[in-house]
Structures are given as structure tokens and as C-alpha cells.
N, C-alpha and C. Protein backbone atom coordinates (compact mmCIF):
# COMPACT_ATOMS: atom_id res chain seq x y z
N UNK A 1 127.57 28.47 103.39
CA UNK A 1 127.12 28.53 102.01
C UNK A 1 127.20 26.96 101.62
N UNK A 2 128.07 25.94 101.94
CA UNK A 2 127.97 24.63 101.73
C UNK A 2 126.79 23.78 102.24
N UNK A 3 126.59 24.36 103.44
CA UNK A 3 125.25 23.64 103.99
C UNK A 3 123.92 23.98 103.49
N UNK A 4 123.78 25.16 102.97
CA UNK A 4 122.74 25.37 102.07
C UNK A 4 122.66 24.70 100.64
N UNK A 5 123.87 24.53 100.10
CA UNK A 5 123.88 23.73 98.82
C UNK A 5 123.52 22.30 99.02
N UNK A 6 123.85 21.60 100.23
CA UNK A 6 123.43 20.32 100.84
C UNK A 6 121.98 20.14 100.51
N UNK A 7 121.04 21.05 100.65
CA UNK A 7 119.58 20.92 100.53
C UNK A 7 119.21 20.38 99.30
N UNK A 8 119.96 21.06 98.14
CA UNK A 8 119.43 20.72 96.75
C UNK A 8 120.37 19.71 96.03
N UNK A 9 121.26 18.98 96.69
CA UNK A 9 122.02 17.94 95.78
C UNK A 9 121.41 16.86 95.45
N UNK A 10 120.17 16.48 96.10
CA UNK A 10 119.24 15.34 95.78
C UNK A 10 118.27 15.65 94.59
N UNK A 11 118.06 16.87 94.33
CA UNK A 11 117.22 17.41 93.30
C UNK A 11 117.58 16.60 92.03
N UNK A 12 116.56 16.05 91.30
CA UNK A 12 116.74 15.58 90.13
C UNK A 12 116.34 16.30 88.86
N UNK A 13 117.32 16.41 88.00
CA UNK A 13 117.20 17.26 86.79
C UNK A 13 117.03 16.45 85.51
N UNK A 14 116.33 16.90 84.55
CA UNK A 14 116.21 16.25 83.25
C UNK A 14 117.38 16.36 82.46
N UNK A 15 118.30 15.47 82.04
CA UNK A 15 119.44 15.68 81.15
C UNK A 15 119.18 15.20 79.62
N UNK A 16 119.44 16.13 78.80
CA UNK A 16 118.80 15.77 77.30
C UNK A 16 120.13 16.08 76.45
N UNK A 17 120.57 14.94 75.46
CA UNK A 17 121.55 15.18 74.55
C UNK A 17 120.95 15.24 73.19
N UNK A 18 121.37 16.36 72.43
CA UNK A 18 120.86 16.39 71.18
C UNK A 18 121.86 16.16 70.25
N UNK A 19 121.42 15.32 69.08
CA UNK A 19 122.34 14.89 68.20
C UNK A 19 122.35 16.08 67.10
N UNK A 20 121.08 16.47 66.90
CA UNK A 20 120.99 17.46 65.78
C UNK A 20 119.44 17.70 65.65
N UNK A 21 119.21 18.72 64.76
CA UNK A 21 117.69 19.16 64.44
C UNK A 21 117.58 18.91 62.93
N UNK A 22 116.20 19.20 62.70
CA UNK A 22 115.90 19.08 61.26
C UNK A 22 114.48 19.83 61.16
N UNK A 23 114.16 20.57 59.97
CA UNK A 23 113.16 21.08 59.77
C UNK A 23 112.54 20.37 58.54
N UNK A 24 111.03 20.16 58.69
CA UNK A 24 110.33 19.34 57.63
C UNK A 24 108.99 19.96 57.42
N UNK A 25 108.44 19.86 56.47
CA UNK A 25 107.02 20.19 56.27
C UNK A 25 106.17 19.28 56.66
N UNK A 26 104.77 19.49 57.05
CA UNK A 26 103.96 18.50 57.41
C UNK A 26 103.61 17.42 56.45
N UNK A 27 103.87 17.73 55.17
CA UNK A 27 103.65 16.64 54.18
C UNK A 27 104.94 15.65 54.27
N UNK A 28 106.17 16.23 54.44
CA UNK A 28 107.17 15.20 54.63
C UNK A 28 107.09 14.41 55.95
N UNK A 29 106.42 15.04 56.88
CA UNK A 29 106.38 14.36 58.23
C UNK A 29 105.39 13.18 58.04
N UNK A 30 104.29 13.54 57.39
CA UNK A 30 103.40 12.51 57.15
C UNK A 30 103.77 11.42 56.25
N UNK A 31 104.74 11.62 55.44
CA UNK A 31 105.39 10.37 54.61
C UNK A 31 106.50 9.72 55.29
N UNK A 32 106.83 10.13 56.52
CA UNK A 32 107.78 9.25 57.15
C UNK A 32 107.23 7.84 57.47
N UNK A 33 108.06 6.96 57.42
CA UNK A 33 107.71 5.52 57.80
C UNK A 33 108.95 4.91 58.15
N UNK A 34 108.79 3.42 58.57
CA UNK A 34 109.76 2.65 59.07
C UNK A 34 110.89 2.63 57.94
N UNK A 35 112.15 2.91 58.42
CA UNK A 35 113.29 2.90 57.41
C UNK A 35 113.62 4.33 56.82
N UNK A 36 112.66 5.39 57.03
CA UNK A 36 113.07 6.53 56.48
C UNK A 36 114.21 7.21 57.18
N UNK A 37 114.77 8.12 56.52
CA UNK A 37 115.99 8.73 57.06
C UNK A 37 115.77 10.22 57.07
N UNK A 38 115.79 10.82 58.30
CA UNK A 38 115.81 12.18 58.56
C UNK A 38 117.21 12.87 58.60
N UNK A 39 117.42 13.76 57.78
CA UNK A 39 118.81 14.44 57.67
C UNK A 39 118.73 15.65 58.53
N UNK A 40 119.76 15.51 59.48
CA UNK A 40 119.94 16.64 60.39
C UNK A 40 120.61 17.61 59.96
N UNK A 41 120.66 18.99 60.63
CA UNK A 41 121.55 20.12 60.14
C UNK A 41 122.99 19.93 60.55
N UNK A 42 123.16 19.15 61.75
CA UNK A 42 124.66 19.11 62.19
C UNK A 42 125.37 18.07 61.36
N UNK A 43 126.70 18.46 61.20
CA UNK A 43 127.56 17.62 60.23
C UNK A 43 128.10 16.32 61.28
N UNK A 44 128.30 15.24 60.45
CA UNK A 44 128.96 14.30 61.25
C UNK A 44 130.18 14.47 61.98
N UNK A 45 130.56 14.14 63.09
CA UNK A 45 131.76 14.49 63.86
C UNK A 45 131.53 15.78 64.72
N UNK A 46 130.60 16.51 64.59
CA UNK A 46 130.35 17.84 65.31
C UNK A 46 129.93 17.32 66.73
N UNK A 47 130.26 18.14 67.85
CA UNK A 47 129.99 17.77 69.16
C UNK A 47 128.47 17.64 69.34
N UNK A 48 127.96 16.86 70.23
CA UNK A 48 126.52 16.84 70.81
C UNK A 48 126.37 17.81 71.66
N UNK A 49 125.23 18.45 71.74
CA UNK A 49 124.80 19.27 72.84
C UNK A 49 124.12 18.75 73.86
N UNK A 50 124.43 19.12 75.06
CA UNK A 50 123.88 18.74 76.48
C UNK A 50 123.21 19.58 77.26
N UNK A 51 121.97 19.14 77.34
CA UNK A 51 121.04 20.34 78.14
C UNK A 51 120.77 19.78 79.35
N UNK A 52 120.55 20.67 80.43
CA UNK A 52 119.97 20.15 81.58
C UNK A 52 118.75 21.21 82.01
N UNK A 53 117.58 20.58 82.15
CA UNK A 53 116.13 21.22 81.99
C UNK A 53 116.10 22.36 81.04
N UNK A 54 116.46 21.93 79.73
CA UNK A 54 116.25 22.76 78.73
C UNK A 54 117.39 23.77 78.38
N UNK A 55 118.34 23.85 79.37
CA UNK A 55 119.53 24.91 79.13
C UNK A 55 120.74 24.33 78.84
N UNK A 56 121.45 24.73 77.90
CA UNK A 56 122.85 24.09 77.46
C UNK A 56 123.60 24.39 78.37
N UNK A 57 124.41 23.31 78.88
CA UNK A 57 125.34 23.26 79.86
C UNK A 57 126.84 22.73 79.33
N UNK A 58 126.73 22.00 78.19
CA UNK A 58 127.90 21.40 77.69
C UNK A 58 127.90 20.94 76.36
N UNK A 59 129.06 20.32 75.68
CA UNK A 59 129.22 19.97 74.39
C UNK A 59 129.86 18.44 74.52
N UNK A 60 129.75 17.52 73.88
CA UNK A 60 130.50 16.27 74.09
C UNK A 60 130.56 15.54 72.88
N UNK A 61 131.10 14.11 73.12
CA UNK A 61 131.12 13.38 71.97
C UNK A 61 130.40 12.01 72.36
N UNK A 62 129.87 11.26 71.56
CA UNK A 62 128.96 9.93 72.01
C UNK A 62 130.18 8.88 72.26
N UNK A 63 129.92 8.24 73.16
CA UNK A 63 130.76 6.97 73.54
C UNK A 63 129.71 5.89 73.99
N UNK A 64 130.33 4.64 73.93
CA UNK A 64 129.51 3.56 74.45
C UNK A 64 130.09 3.13 75.86
N UNK A 65 129.11 2.92 76.85
CA UNK A 65 129.56 2.52 78.24
C UNK A 65 128.58 1.40 78.71
N UNK A 66 129.20 0.18 78.97
CA UNK A 66 128.39 -1.05 79.09
C UNK A 66 127.22 -1.18 78.20
N UNK A 67 127.59 -1.09 76.95
CA UNK A 67 126.53 -1.44 75.89
C UNK A 67 125.51 -0.37 75.74
N UNK A 68 125.64 0.84 76.59
CA UNK A 68 124.76 2.00 76.35
C UNK A 68 125.31 3.11 75.83
N UNK A 69 124.66 4.01 75.21
CA UNK A 69 125.23 5.27 74.73
C UNK A 69 125.63 6.12 75.87
N UNK A 70 126.66 6.86 75.89
CA UNK A 70 127.04 7.95 76.87
C UNK A 70 127.72 9.14 76.06
N UNK A 71 127.89 10.17 76.96
CA UNK A 71 128.50 11.31 76.51
C UNK A 71 129.65 11.65 77.20
N UNK A 72 130.76 11.89 76.51
CA UNK A 72 132.13 12.30 77.03
C UNK A 72 132.18 13.83 76.87
N UNK A 73 132.00 14.47 77.92
CA UNK A 73 131.89 15.95 77.83
C UNK A 73 133.34 16.56 77.52
N UNK A 74 133.26 17.37 76.48
CA UNK A 74 134.48 17.95 75.92
C UNK A 74 134.69 19.48 76.00
N UNK A 75 133.40 20.13 76.57
CA UNK A 75 133.51 21.67 76.37
C UNK A 75 132.26 22.02 77.49
N UNK A 76 132.61 22.47 78.56
CA UNK A 76 131.64 22.91 79.54
C UNK A 76 131.21 24.27 79.45
N UNK A 77 130.06 24.76 79.31
CA UNK A 77 129.55 26.23 79.29
C UNK A 77 129.98 26.97 80.53
N UNK A 78 130.49 27.97 80.52
CA UNK A 78 130.83 28.81 81.67
C UNK A 78 129.80 29.07 82.56
N UNK A 79 129.93 29.08 83.86
CA UNK A 79 128.74 29.31 84.88
C UNK A 79 128.07 30.56 84.63
N UNK A 80 128.88 31.61 83.99
CA UNK A 80 128.20 32.88 83.71
C UNK A 80 127.23 32.60 82.61
N UNK A 81 127.78 32.25 81.53
CA UNK A 81 126.85 31.81 80.36
C UNK A 81 125.55 31.01 80.72
N UNK A 82 125.85 30.06 81.52
CA UNK A 82 124.55 29.16 82.06
C UNK A 82 123.71 30.13 82.64
N UNK A 83 124.20 30.97 83.51
CA UNK A 83 123.18 31.94 84.20
C UNK A 83 122.53 32.79 83.30
N UNK A 84 123.21 33.26 82.27
CA UNK A 84 122.39 34.22 81.36
C UNK A 84 121.53 33.44 80.49
N UNK A 85 121.77 32.09 80.27
CA UNK A 85 120.87 31.23 79.39
C UNK A 85 119.52 31.12 80.27
N UNK A 86 119.31 31.12 81.50
CA UNK A 86 118.24 30.99 82.48
C UNK A 86 117.35 32.16 82.13
N UNK A 87 117.86 33.57 82.06
CA UNK A 87 117.24 34.80 82.10
C UNK A 87 116.56 35.00 80.97
């Protein structure tokens, strides 16, 4: 089984970290400009959601690494739940 896994280890996946979401009307969208603030549904301090290829795999907290944003993973979604999310 390990040998068959080696074949896919170099496959690149898209990783997305979501801070939060918001809903707005088209009218509100058209009024956005530089300096506008979009209020997100998530509360300050709540974990960030980490997705791989559109499927949630973890939650974490924002950190700074070498002057870039990063995510420290605090909760990994179980493999069973990840498989269910694919279906």
C-alpha cells in the first residue's frame, strides 16, 4: 500500500483558509469602495476554516511566519468525516 501512495505524494492541492463569510445585496456590493468594511458572520477569535480542494480538513488560528500569514492547525477533521464530505 505504501508504494501505491508514493505515486500521488507529489500531486499539488489547492489549500484555502477562510476567515469568514458575509451575505450582501447587489446594491451593497456596488457601493463598496476603498476603505469599505465588510462585516463577516464569524466572531473575532473563532477558528479559521482550512479547506483542501474545497473540502474542509481542519480549523486553526492565524499566525505570522517570516512576515507572512500562516495557520496553526488546532483541530483536524477525522478521516471518516473528510471522506463523507467528498460524497
